[in-house]
Amino acid sequence: MTFYFPVRVYWEDTDAGGIVFYANYLKFFERARTEWLRSLGIGQQQLRDSVGGMFVVTHSQLHYRQAARLDDLLSVSAQVAEAGRASLTLVQQAWRQAEDGSRVELLCEGRIRIGWVDAASMRPSRIPPVILEKLQ
């Protein structure tokens, strides 16, 4: 299942030329992952408070294809590519979106690995089974 999240490009996202600063795609991907988890009933602060664990990014690999610009509407996706006991690898994409909602141009794509850690010690741990079931 692929989750999509809309993102509008604002001044704060761009450089002096009105082009999205490359590192901001990581922020867009983070927002989409957070909203994907929320759509599954998994709040990140709730995880930390109730289960004592949290997801952290352990690896990211991005491929920039086209530039997003000021005022563009983007559709940012998150999809699980691999699920292990202690980590997930997600494929994420940022598309330029037309006003009718169609995705018209792939701008950036990446593979993001997130690992589960104990929130107190920051040591790797297994994803609780009840959480893992919701993610697959």
N, C-alpha and C. Protein backbone atom coordinates (compact mmCIF):
# COMPACT_ATOMS: atom_id res chain seq x y z
N MET A 1 0.84 -1.18 0.00
CA MET A 1 0.00 0.00 0.00
C MET A 1 0.89 1.24 0.00
N THR A 2 0.56 2.19 -0.85
CA THR A 2 1.31 3.44 -0.92
C THR A 2 0.48 4.54 -0.30
N PHE A 3 1.10 5.29 0.59
CA PHE A 3 0.47 6.43 1.24
C PHE A 3 0.96 7.70 0.56
N TYR A 4 0.04 8.65 0.31
CA TYR A 4 0.40 9.93 -0.30
C TYR A 4 0.03 11.08 0.63
N PHE A 5 0.92 12.08 0.68
CA PHE A 5 0.70 13.24 1.54
C PHE A 5 0.99 14.50 0.73
N PRO A 6 0.06 15.46 0.73
CA PRO A 6 0.29 16.70 -0.04
C PRO A 6 1.20 17.66 0.72
N VAL A 7 2.10 18.30 -0.01
CA VAL A 7 3.00 19.31 0.55
C VAL A 7 3.05 20.49 -0.40
N ARG A 8 2.82 21.68 0.11
CA ARG A 8 2.96 22.91 -0.69
C ARG A 8 4.35 23.47 -0.44
N VAL A 9 5.01 23.94 -1.49
CA VAL A 9 6.35 24.52 -1.36
C VAL A 9 6.20 26.00 -0.99
N TYR A 10 6.81 26.37 0.15
CA TYR A 10 6.78 27.75 0.65
C TYR A 10 8.16 28.38 0.51
N TRP A 11 8.23 29.71 0.72
CA TRP A 11 9.50 30.43 0.65
C TRP A 11 10.56 29.75 1.50
N GLU A 12 10.19 29.34 2.69
CA GLU A 12 11.17 28.75 3.62
C GLU A 12 11.80 27.47 3.09
N ASP A 13 11.17 26.85 2.10
CA ASP A 13 11.67 25.60 1.52
C ASP A 13 12.67 25.83 0.40
N THR A 14 12.78 27.08 -0.06
CA THR A 14 13.53 27.35 -1.28
C THR A 14 14.83 28.13 -1.02
N ASP A 15 15.66 28.13 -2.05
CA ASP A 15 16.87 28.95 -2.03
C ASP A 15 16.54 30.30 -2.66
N ALA A 16 17.53 31.12 -2.89
CA ALA A 16 17.32 32.46 -3.43
C ALA A 16 16.69 32.46 -4.82
N GLY A 17 16.81 31.35 -5.53
CA GLY A 17 16.24 31.26 -6.88
C GLY A 17 14.84 30.68 -6.92
N GLY A 18 14.26 30.41 -5.76
CA GLY A 18 12.91 29.85 -5.72
C GLY A 18 12.86 28.35 -5.97
N ILE A 19 14.01 27.69 -5.87
CA ILE A 19 14.11 26.24 -6.07
C ILE A 19 14.18 25.58 -4.69
N VAL A 20 13.51 24.45 -4.53
CA VAL A 20 13.55 23.74 -3.25
C VAL A 20 14.99 23.33 -2.95
N PHE A 21 15.47 23.70 -1.77
CA PHE A 21 16.79 23.32 -1.30
C PHE A 21 16.81 21.80 -1.15
N TYR A 22 17.85 21.17 -1.64
CA TYR A 22 17.90 19.71 -1.75
C TYR A 22 17.61 18.97 -0.44
N ALA A 23 18.10 19.47 0.68
CA ALA A 23 17.91 18.78 1.96
C ALA A 23 16.46 18.80 2.43
N ASN A 24 15.67 19.72 1.88
CA ASN A 24 14.27 19.80 2.31
C ASN A 24 13.43 18.62 1.84
N TYR A 25 13.90 17.90 0.83
CA TYR A 25 13.18 16.68 0.44
C TYR A 25 13.17 15.68 1.59
N LEU A 26 14.25 15.65 2.38
CA LEU A 26 14.27 14.78 3.56
C LEU A 26 13.19 15.19 4.55
N LYS A 27 12.96 16.48 4.70
CA LYS A 27 11.88 16.96 5.57
C LYS A 27 10.51 16.55 5.01
N PHE A 28 10.34 16.69 3.71
CA PHE A 28 9.08 16.29 3.09
C PHE A 28 8.83 14.80 3.30
N PHE A 29 9.88 13.99 3.14
CA PHE A 29 9.76 12.55 3.33
C PHE A 29 9.43 12.23 4.79
N GLU A 30 10.05 12.94 5.71
CA GLU A 30 9.76 12.74 7.14
C GLU A 30 8.30 13.04 7.45
N ARG A 31 7.79 14.13 6.91
CA ARG A 31 6.37 14.48 7.12
C ARG A 31 5.46 13.37 6.59
N ALA A 32 5.77 12.86 5.40
CA ALA A 32 4.94 11.81 4.82
C ALA A 32 4.99 10.54 5.67
N ARG A 33 6.18 10.18 6.18
CA ARG A 33 6.27 8.98 7.04
C ARG A 33 5.48 9.17 8.32
N THR A 34 5.57 10.35 8.90
CA THR A 34 4.85 10.64 10.14
C THR A 34 3.34 10.56 9.92
N GLU A 35 2.86 11.13 8.83
CA GLU A 35 1.42 11.11 8.54
C GLU A 35 0.97 9.71 8.14
N TRP A 36 1.83 8.94 7.49
CA TRP A 36 1.51 7.54 7.17
C TRP A 36 1.30 6.76 8.47
N LEU A 37 2.24 6.91 9.41
CA LEU A 37 2.09 6.22 10.71
C LEU A 37 0.81 6.67 11.41
N ARG A 38 0.56 7.98 11.39
CA ARG A 38 -0.65 8.51 12.04
C ARG A 38 -1.90 7.92 11.40
N SER A 39 -1.88 7.75 10.07
CA SER A 39 -3.05 7.18 9.37
C SER A 39 -3.31 5.73 9.80
N LEU A 40 -2.27 5.07 10.31
CA LEU A 40 -2.39 3.69 10.80
C LEU A 40 -2.70 3.64 12.29
N GLY A 41 -2.92 4.81 12.90
CA GLY A 41 -3.21 4.87 14.32
C GLY A 41 -1.97 4.82 15.20
N ILE A 42 -0.83 5.17 14.62
CA ILE A 42 0.44 5.11 15.35
C ILE A 42 1.01 6.52 15.44
N GLY A 43 0.86 7.14 16.60
CA GLY A 43 1.45 8.45 16.83
C GLY A 43 2.86 8.27 17.38
N GLN A 44 3.81 9.03 16.87
CA GLN A 44 5.19 8.82 17.29
C GLN A 44 5.42 9.17 18.76
N GLN A 45 4.80 10.25 19.24
CA GLN A 45 4.95 10.59 20.66
C GLN A 45 4.26 9.53 21.52
N GLN A 46 3.14 9.03 21.04
CA GLN A 46 2.41 7.96 21.74
C GLN A 46 3.29 6.72 21.87
N LEU A 47 4.01 6.37 20.81
CA LEU A 47 4.91 5.22 20.86
C LEU A 47 5.96 5.40 21.94
N ARG A 48 6.54 6.56 21.95
CA ARG A 48 7.59 6.83 22.94
C ARG A 48 7.04 6.76 24.35
N ASP A 49 5.87 7.35 24.56
CA ASP A 49 5.28 7.39 25.90
C ASP A 49 4.75 6.04 26.37
N SER A 50 4.08 5.30 25.48
CA SER A 50 3.42 4.07 25.91
C SER A 50 4.27 2.81 25.75
N VAL A 51 5.11 2.77 24.73
CA VAL A 51 5.89 1.58 24.44
C VAL A 51 7.36 1.76 24.81
N GLY A 52 7.80 3.01 24.90
CA GLY A 52 9.18 3.28 25.27
C GLY A 52 10.17 3.16 24.14
N GLY A 53 9.67 3.20 22.92
CA GLY A 53 10.55 3.09 21.77
C GLY A 53 10.19 4.10 20.72
N MET A 54 11.06 4.20 19.71
CA MET A 54 10.79 5.13 18.62
C MET A 54 11.60 4.74 17.39
N PHE A 55 11.14 5.27 16.26
CA PHE A 55 11.84 5.06 15.00
C PHE A 55 12.86 6.17 14.79
N VAL A 56 14.03 5.79 14.28
CA VAL A 56 15.06 6.76 13.91
C VAL A 56 15.57 6.40 12.51
N VAL A 57 15.93 7.40 11.75
CA VAL A 57 16.49 7.17 10.42
C VAL A 57 17.91 6.66 10.58
N THR A 58 18.20 5.54 9.94
CA THR A 58 19.55 4.96 9.99
C THR A 58 20.28 5.05 8.66
N HIS A 59 19.54 5.26 7.58
CA HIS A 59 20.16 5.35 6.26
C HIS A 59 19.20 6.06 5.32
N SER A 60 19.74 6.91 4.46
CA SER A 60 18.92 7.53 3.43
C SER A 60 19.72 7.62 2.14
N GLN A 61 19.04 7.38 1.06
CA GLN A 61 19.65 7.46 -0.28
C GLN A 61 18.64 8.14 -1.18
N LEU A 62 18.99 9.28 -1.73
CA LEU A 62 18.08 10.05 -2.57
C LEU A 62 18.62 10.23 -3.98
N HIS A 63 17.69 10.30 -4.91
CA HIS A 63 18.02 10.59 -6.30
C HIS A 63 17.16 11.77 -6.72
N TYR A 64 17.81 12.87 -7.03
CA TYR A 64 17.12 14.09 -7.44
C TYR A 64 16.96 14.08 -8.95
N ARG A 65 15.74 14.26 -9.42
CA ARG A 65 15.47 14.19 -10.86
C ARG A 65 15.14 15.56 -11.47
N GLN A 66 14.26 16.29 -10.81
CA GLN A 66 13.83 17.61 -11.28
C GLN A 66 13.68 18.52 -10.07
N ALA A 67 13.70 19.81 -10.30
CA ALA A 67 13.57 20.77 -9.20
C ALA A 67 12.10 21.10 -8.93
N ALA A 68 11.77 21.13 -7.66
CA ALA A 68 10.47 21.68 -7.24
C ALA A 68 10.68 23.18 -7.03
N ARG A 69 9.62 23.94 -7.25
CA ARG A 69 9.73 25.40 -7.19
C ARG A 69 8.68 25.98 -6.24
N LEU A 70 8.92 27.22 -5.88
CA LEU A 70 8.00 27.94 -5.02
C LEU A 70 6.57 27.79 -5.50
N ASP A 71 5.67 27.51 -4.56
CA ASP A 71 4.22 27.36 -4.78
C ASP A 71 3.81 26.04 -5.43
N ASP A 72 4.77 25.19 -5.81
CA ASP A 72 4.38 23.88 -6.34
C ASP A 72 3.61 23.11 -5.28
N LEU A 73 2.66 22.32 -5.75
CA LEU A 73 1.98 21.36 -4.89
C LEU A 73 2.61 20.00 -5.17
N LEU A 74 3.11 19.37 -4.11
CA LEU A 74 3.76 18.07 -4.24
C LEU A 74 2.89 16.98 -3.65
N SER A 75 3.06 15.79 -4.15
CA SER A 75 2.46 14.59 -3.59
C SER A 75 3.63 13.71 -3.16
N VAL A 76 3.77 13.52 -1.85
CA VAL A 76 4.92 12.78 -1.31
C VAL A 76 4.43 11.43 -0.81
N SER A 77 5.09 10.38 -1.25
CA SER A 77 4.63 9.03 -0.94
C SER A 77 5.53 8.33 0.08
N ALA A 78 4.96 7.32 0.69
CA ALA A 78 5.70 6.41 1.58
C ALA A 78 5.14 5.01 1.37
N GLN A 79 6.05 4.06 1.15
CA GLN A 79 5.65 2.68 0.94
C GLN A 79 6.72 1.76 1.52
N VAL A 80 6.28 0.77 2.28
CA VAL A 80 7.23 -0.19 2.86
C VAL A 80 7.77 -1.08 1.76
N ALA A 81 9.10 -1.13 1.65
CA ALA A 81 9.75 -2.02 0.69
C ALA A 81 10.23 -3.29 1.38
N GLU A 82 10.73 -3.15 2.60
CA GLU A 82 11.21 -4.30 3.38
C GLU A 82 10.86 -4.07 4.85
N ALA A 83 10.45 -5.14 5.51
CA ALA A 83 10.14 -5.05 6.94
C ALA A 83 10.89 -6.16 7.66
N GLY A 84 11.72 -5.74 8.60
CA GLY A 84 12.43 -6.69 9.44
C GLY A 84 11.93 -6.60 10.87
N ARG A 85 12.59 -7.29 11.78
CA ARG A 85 12.17 -7.27 13.18
C ARG A 85 12.55 -5.97 13.89
N ALA A 86 13.60 -5.31 13.39
CA ALA A 86 14.08 -4.10 14.06
C ALA A 86 14.15 -2.88 13.14
N SER A 87 13.84 -3.05 11.86
CA SER A 87 13.91 -1.91 10.95
C SER A 87 12.96 -2.08 9.77
N LEU A 88 12.69 -0.97 9.13
CA LEU A 88 11.88 -0.93 7.92
C LEU A 88 12.64 -0.15 6.87
N THR A 89 12.52 -0.55 5.62
CA THR A 89 13.03 0.24 4.51
C THR A 89 11.84 0.71 3.72
N LEU A 90 11.76 2.02 3.52
CA LEU A 90 10.67 2.62 2.78
C LEU A 90 11.17 3.21 1.48
N VAL A 91 10.35 3.12 0.46
CA VAL A 91 10.58 3.81 -0.79
C VAL A 91 9.71 5.05 -0.74
N GLN A 92 10.32 6.19 -1.00
CA GLN A 92 9.57 7.44 -0.96
C GLN A 92 9.83 8.24 -2.22
N GLN A 93 8.79 8.96 -2.66
CA GLN A 93 8.89 9.77 -3.86
C GLN A 93 8.20 11.11 -3.62
N ALA A 94 8.71 12.13 -4.30
CA ALA A 94 8.05 13.44 -4.33
C ALA A 94 7.70 13.74 -5.77
N TRP A 95 6.42 13.96 -6.02
CA TRP A 95 5.90 14.23 -7.36
C TRP A 95 5.36 15.65 -7.41
N ARG A 96 5.53 16.31 -8.55
CA ARG A 96 4.80 17.56 -8.77
C ARG A 96 3.36 17.14 -9.05
N GLN A 97 2.44 17.80 -8.39
CA GLN A 97 1.03 17.43 -8.50
C GLN A 97 0.27 18.54 -9.22
N ALA A 98 -0.58 18.15 -10.15
CA ALA A 98 -1.45 19.11 -10.83
C ALA A 98 -2.60 19.48 -9.90
N GLU A 99 -3.25 20.57 -10.20
CA GLU A 99 -4.38 21.02 -9.35
C GLU A 99 -5.52 20.00 -9.33
N ASP A 100 -5.61 19.14 -10.35
CA ASP A 100 -6.66 18.12 -10.36
C ASP A 100 -6.29 16.89 -9.51
N GLY A 101 -5.09 16.94 -8.89
CA GLY A 101 -4.66 15.84 -8.02
C GLY A 101 -3.78 14.81 -8.69
N SER A 102 -3.62 14.89 -10.00
CA SER A 102 -2.78 13.90 -10.68
C SER A 102 -1.30 14.21 -10.45
N ARG A 103 -0.51 13.15 -10.37
CA ARG A 103 0.93 13.30 -10.22
C ARG A 103 1.54 13.39 -11.62
N VAL A 104 2.23 14.49 -11.90
CA VAL A 104 2.65 14.73 -13.28
C VAL A 104 4.15 14.60 -13.52
N GLU A 105 4.98 14.75 -12.49
CA GLU A 105 6.42 14.70 -12.72
C GLU A 105 7.14 14.24 -11.46
N LEU A 106 7.94 13.18 -11.59
CA LEU A 106 8.73 12.69 -10.47
C LEU A 106 9.90 13.62 -10.24
N LEU A 107 10.01 14.16 -9.02
CA LEU A 107 11.05 15.13 -8.70
C LEU A 107 12.21 14.51 -7.92
N CYS A 108 11.89 13.65 -6.98
CA CYS A 108 12.91 13.06 -6.12
C CYS A 108 12.40 11.72 -5.63
N GLU A 109 13.31 10.77 -5.52
CA GLU A 109 12.94 9.47 -4.96
C GLU A 109 14.04 9.00 -4.03
N GLY A 110 13.65 8.20 -3.06
CA GLY A 110 14.65 7.74 -2.11
C GLY A 110 14.27 6.45 -1.43
N ARG A 111 15.27 5.85 -0.82
CA ARG A 111 15.10 4.69 0.05
C ARG A 111 15.55 5.13 1.43
N ILE A 112 14.65 5.03 2.37
CA ILE A 112 14.92 5.47 3.73
C ILE A 112 14.77 4.27 4.66
N ARG A 113 15.80 4.02 5.43
CA ARG A 113 15.74 2.93 6.41
C ARG A 113 15.53 3.54 7.79
N ILE A 114 14.52 3.04 8.49
CA ILE A 114 14.27 3.49 9.85
C ILE A 114 14.40 2.30 10.79
N GLY A 115 15.07 2.51 11.88
CA GLY A 115 15.27 1.47 12.87
C GLY A 115 14.51 1.78 14.14
N TRP A 116 14.19 0.75 14.87
CA TRP A 116 13.49 0.89 16.15
C TRP A 116 14.54 0.90 17.26
N VAL A 117 14.43 1.88 18.15
CA VAL A 117 15.36 1.97 19.27
C VAL A 117 14.58 2.15 20.57
N ASP A 118 15.20 1.71 21.66
CA ASP A 118 14.68 2.00 22.98
C ASP A 118 14.89 3.50 23.21
N ALA A 119 13.84 4.21 23.58
CA ALA A 119 13.92 5.67 23.69
C ALA A 119 14.87 6.13 24.79
N ALA A 120 15.00 5.38 25.85
CA ALA A 120 15.86 5.79 26.96
C ALA A 120 17.33 5.57 26.65
N SER A 121 17.67 4.42 26.09
CA SER A 121 19.09 4.09 25.85
C SER A 121 19.54 4.40 24.43
N MET A 122 18.59 4.57 23.50
CA MET A 122 18.88 4.77 22.08
C MET A 122 19.57 3.55 21.46
N ARG A 123 19.39 2.40 22.08
CA ARG A 123 19.95 1.16 21.53
C ARG A 123 18.92 0.46 20.66
N PRO A 124 19.40 -0.20 19.61
CA PRO A 124 18.48 -0.93 18.74
C PRO A 124 17.68 -1.97 19.51
N SER A 125 16.45 -2.14 19.08
CA SER A 125 15.55 -3.09 19.71
C SER A 125 14.60 -3.62 18.64
N ARG A 126 13.82 -4.62 19.00
CA ARG A 126 12.84 -5.16 18.06
C ARG A 126 11.58 -4.31 18.06
N ILE A 127 11.00 -4.15 16.89
CA ILE A 127 9.73 -3.45 16.77
C ILE A 127 8.67 -4.29 17.47
N PRO A 128 7.89 -3.71 18.39
CA PRO A 128 6.84 -4.49 19.04
C PRO A 128 5.91 -5.14 18.01
N PRO A 129 5.58 -6.41 18.21
CA PRO A 129 4.74 -7.13 17.22
C PRO A 129 3.44 -6.42 16.87
N VAL A 130 2.79 -5.79 17.84
CA VAL A 130 1.53 -5.11 17.58
C VAL A 130 1.74 -3.94 16.61
N ILE A 131 2.89 -3.29 16.67
CA ILE A 131 3.21 -2.21 15.74
C ILE A 131 3.58 -2.78 14.37
N LEU A 132 4.40 -3.81 14.37
CA LEU A 132 4.84 -4.43 13.12
C LEU A 132 3.66 -4.95 12.29
N GLU A 133 2.67 -5.51 12.98
CA GLU A 133 1.48 -6.01 12.27
C GLU A 133 0.76 -4.90 11.52
N LYS A 134 0.67 -3.72 12.12
CA LYS A 134 0.00 -2.59 11.47
C LYS A 134 0.77 -2.07 10.26
N LEU A 135 2.08 -2.25 10.26
CA LEU A 135 2.93 -1.68 9.22
C LEU A 135 3.03 -2.55 7.97
N GLN A 136 2.67 -3.82 8.08
CA GLN A 136 2.85 -4.73 6.94
C GLN A 136 1.58 -4.90 6.15
